[in-house]
C-alpha cells in the first residue's frame, strides 16, 4: 500500500509542476484567436493531461487514506 502513496504523491506533484511550467512558459489556457490553427490544440491537451495526472494522484492518495 505504501507504493500507492508514493505513486500518488509523485503523480500529483508532477501534475502541479506541469501546469506551473505551462503557465510559466506563457502557454494560453484558451485562445480564441486563430481557433482553426492546430498550434493551440497541443497547448490545451497539455493542460488536460497535467490536470488528469494531478487528479489520478489525488485519487490514489484518497484510496491510500481509506485503506489505512
N, C-alpha and C. Protein backbone atom coordinates (compact mmCIF):
# COMPACT_ATOMS: atom_id res chain seq x y z
N UNK A 1 0.82 -1.21 0.00
CA UNK A 1 0.00 0.00 0.00
C UNK A 1 0.86 1.26 0.00
N UNK A 2 2.07 1.15 0.54
CA UNK A 2 2.92 2.34 0.57
C UNK A 2 3.29 2.77 -0.85
N UNK A 3 3.36 1.80 -1.76
CA UNK A 3 3.67 2.12 -3.15
C UNK A 3 2.60 3.02 -3.75
N UNK A 4 1.34 2.77 -3.41
CA UNK A 4 0.25 3.60 -3.93
C UNK A 4 0.40 5.03 -3.44
N UNK A 5 0.81 5.20 -2.19
CA UNK A 5 1.00 6.55 -1.65
C UNK A 5 2.12 7.27 -2.39
N UNK A 6 3.23 6.57 -2.63
CA UNK A 6 4.36 7.18 -3.32
C UNK A 6 3.98 7.55 -4.74
N UNK A 7 3.29 6.66 -5.44
CA UNK A 7 2.87 6.95 -6.81
C UNK A 7 1.88 8.11 -6.83
N UNK A 8 0.97 8.16 -5.85
CA UNK A 8 0.02 9.26 -5.77
C UNK A 8 0.71 10.59 -5.53
N UNK A 9 1.70 10.60 -4.63
CA UNK A 9 2.44 11.84 -4.37
C UNK A 9 3.22 12.30 -5.60
N UNK A 10 3.85 11.35 -6.28
CA UNK A 10 4.61 11.71 -7.49
C UNK A 10 3.68 12.21 -8.58
N UNK A 11 2.53 11.55 -8.76
CA UNK A 11 1.59 11.96 -9.81
C UNK A 11 1.01 13.34 -9.53
N UNK A 12 0.59 13.58 -8.30
CA UNK A 12 0.00 14.89 -8.01
C UNK A 12 1.06 15.98 -8.08
N UNK A 13 2.26 15.69 -7.63
CA UNK A 13 3.34 16.68 -7.70
C UNK A 13 3.74 17.00 -9.13
N UNK A 14 3.83 15.97 -9.97
CA UNK A 14 4.20 16.23 -11.36
C UNK A 14 3.07 16.91 -12.12
N UNK A 15 1.83 16.65 -11.73
CA UNK A 15 0.71 17.36 -12.35
C UNK A 15 0.75 18.84 -12.06
N UNK A 16 0.99 19.19 -10.80
CA UNK A 16 1.10 20.61 -10.42
C UNK A 16 2.31 21.24 -11.10
N UNK A 17 3.43 20.52 -11.12
CA UNK A 17 4.64 21.06 -11.75
C UNK A 17 4.43 21.28 -13.24
N UNK A 18 3.73 20.37 -13.90
CA UNK A 18 3.47 20.53 -15.33
C UNK A 18 2.59 21.73 -15.62
N UNK A 19 1.56 21.92 -14.81
CA UNK A 19 0.68 23.08 -15.00
C UNK A 19 1.44 24.37 -14.76
N UNK A 20 2.27 24.39 -13.70
CA UNK A 20 3.05 25.59 -13.42
C UNK A 20 4.05 25.87 -14.53
N UNK A 21 4.64 24.82 -15.12
CA UNK A 21 5.57 25.00 -16.23
C UNK A 21 4.86 25.60 -17.44
N UNK A 22 3.68 25.08 -17.76
CA UNK A 22 2.94 25.62 -18.90
C UNK A 22 2.53 27.07 -18.67
N UNK A 23 2.14 27.39 -17.44
CA UNK A 23 1.78 28.78 -17.13
C UNK A 23 3.01 29.68 -17.18
N UNK A 24 4.14 29.19 -16.70
CA UNK A 24 5.38 29.98 -16.71
C UNK A 24 5.85 30.24 -18.15
N UNK A 25 5.65 29.24 -19.00
CA UNK A 25 6.06 29.36 -20.40
C UNK A 25 5.16 30.32 -21.16
N UNK A 26 4.01 30.64 -20.59
CA UNK A 26 3.10 31.55 -21.26
C UNK A 26 2.15 30.87 -22.21
N UNK A 27 1.95 29.59 -22.04
CA UNK A 27 1.03 28.85 -22.89
C UNK A 27 -0.39 29.27 -22.57
N UNK A 28 -1.16 29.68 -23.57
CA UNK A 28 -2.53 30.14 -23.28
C UNK A 28 -3.43 28.98 -22.86
N UNK A 29 -4.25 29.25 -21.85
CA UNK A 29 -5.24 28.25 -21.45
C UNK A 29 -6.27 28.07 -22.55
N UNK A 30 -6.87 29.16 -22.96
CA UNK A 30 -7.81 29.17 -24.07
C UNK A 30 -7.48 30.38 -24.93
N UNK A 31 -7.49 30.19 -26.22
CA UNK A 31 -7.25 31.30 -27.12
C UNK A 31 -8.30 31.28 -28.21
N UNK A 32 -8.95 32.41 -28.39
CA UNK A 32 -9.98 32.48 -29.42
C UNK A 32 -9.46 33.14 -30.69
N UNK A 33 -8.17 33.43 -30.72
CA UNK A 33 -7.55 33.92 -31.95
C UNK A 33 -7.01 32.70 -32.68
N UNK A 34 -7.24 32.63 -33.94
CA UNK A 34 -6.75 31.51 -34.75
C UNK A 34 -7.22 30.16 -34.21
N UNK A 35 -8.50 30.04 -33.95
CA UNK A 35 -9.03 28.81 -33.37
C UNK A 35 -8.84 27.64 -34.33
N UNK A 36 -8.86 27.91 -35.62
CA UNK A 36 -8.68 26.84 -36.59
C UNK A 36 -7.25 26.37 -36.72
N UNK A 37 -6.32 27.11 -36.15
CA UNK A 37 -4.91 26.74 -36.25
C UNK A 37 -4.61 25.56 -35.33
N UNK A 38 -3.88 24.55 -35.83
CA UNK A 38 -3.58 23.39 -34.98
C UNK A 38 -2.54 23.68 -33.89
N UNK A 39 -2.00 24.90 -33.87
CA UNK A 39 -0.97 25.24 -32.88
C UNK A 39 -1.56 25.26 -31.47
N UNK A 40 -2.82 25.65 -31.33
CA UNK A 40 -3.39 25.84 -30.00
C UNK A 40 -3.89 24.53 -29.38
N UNK A 41 -4.12 23.51 -30.19
CA UNK A 41 -4.65 22.27 -29.64
C UNK A 41 -3.65 21.54 -28.75
N UNK A 42 -2.35 21.43 -29.11
CA UNK A 42 -1.42 20.76 -28.19
C UNK A 42 -1.30 21.47 -26.85
N UNK A 43 -1.42 22.79 -26.83
CA UNK A 43 -1.35 23.52 -25.56
C UNK A 43 -2.52 23.14 -24.67
N UNK A 44 -3.71 23.10 -25.24
CA UNK A 44 -4.88 22.70 -24.46
C UNK A 44 -4.78 21.26 -23.99
N UNK A 45 -4.24 20.39 -24.84
CA UNK A 45 -4.08 18.99 -24.45
C UNK A 45 -3.05 18.84 -23.34
N UNK A 46 -2.04 19.71 -23.34
CA UNK A 46 -1.05 19.68 -22.26
C UNK A 46 -1.69 19.97 -20.92
N UNK A 47 -2.56 20.99 -20.89
CA UNK A 47 -3.26 21.30 -19.64
C UNK A 47 -4.17 20.16 -19.21
N UNK A 48 -4.89 19.58 -20.16
CA UNK A 48 -5.78 18.47 -19.83
C UNK A 48 -4.98 17.29 -19.29
N UNK A 49 -3.85 17.00 -19.91
CA UNK A 49 -3.01 15.89 -19.46
C UNK A 49 -2.53 16.10 -18.02
N UNK A 50 -2.00 17.28 -17.72
CA UNK A 50 -1.48 17.51 -16.37
C UNK A 50 -2.59 17.58 -15.33
N UNK A 51 -3.76 18.06 -15.71
CA UNK A 51 -4.89 18.05 -14.77
C UNK A 51 -5.32 16.61 -14.49
N UNK A 52 -5.33 15.76 -15.52
CA UNK A 52 -5.67 14.35 -15.31
C UNK A 52 -4.63 13.65 -14.43
N UNK A 53 -3.35 13.94 -14.66
CA UNK A 53 -2.29 13.34 -13.84
C UNK A 53 -2.47 13.76 -12.38
N UNK A 54 -2.75 15.05 -12.16
CA UNK A 54 -2.97 15.55 -10.81
C UNK A 54 -4.18 14.86 -10.17
N UNK A 55 -5.26 14.71 -10.94
CA UNK A 55 -6.46 14.07 -10.43
C UNK A 55 -6.24 12.61 -10.07
N UNK A 56 -5.50 11.89 -10.90
CA UNK A 56 -5.20 10.49 -10.61
C UNK A 56 -4.36 10.39 -9.34
N UNK A 57 -3.42 11.32 -9.18
CA UNK A 57 -2.63 11.33 -7.96
C UNK A 57 -3.48 11.54 -6.72
N UNK A 58 -4.44 12.46 -6.81
CA UNK A 58 -5.33 12.69 -5.67
C UNK A 58 -6.20 11.48 -5.37
N UNK A 59 -6.67 10.81 -6.42
CA UNK A 59 -7.49 9.61 -6.22
C UNK A 59 -6.66 8.51 -5.54
N UNK A 60 -5.42 8.34 -5.97
CA UNK A 60 -4.57 7.33 -5.35
C UNK A 60 -4.30 7.65 -3.88
N UNK A 61 -4.09 8.92 -3.58
CA UNK A 61 -3.88 9.31 -2.18
C UNK A 61 -5.14 9.09 -1.35
N UNK A 62 -6.30 9.36 -1.94
CA UNK A 62 -7.56 9.11 -1.22
C UNK A 62 -7.76 7.62 -0.97
N UNK A 63 -7.43 6.79 -1.96
CA UNK A 63 -7.54 5.34 -1.77
C UNK A 63 -6.59 4.86 -0.68
N UNK A 64 -5.40 5.41 -0.65
CA UNK A 64 -4.44 5.03 0.40
C UNK A 64 -4.96 5.42 1.78
N UNK A 65 -5.54 6.61 1.88
CA UNK A 65 -6.05 7.05 3.18
C UNK A 65 -7.25 6.22 3.63
N UNK A 66 -8.07 5.78 2.68
CA UNK A 66 -9.22 4.94 3.04
C UNK A 66 -8.76 3.55 3.49
N UNK A 67 -7.72 3.04 2.86
CA UNK A 67 -7.26 1.69 3.17
C UNK A 67 -6.49 1.62 4.49
N UNK A 68 -5.89 2.73 4.88
CA UNK A 68 -5.09 2.68 6.11
C UNK A 68 -5.84 3.19 7.31
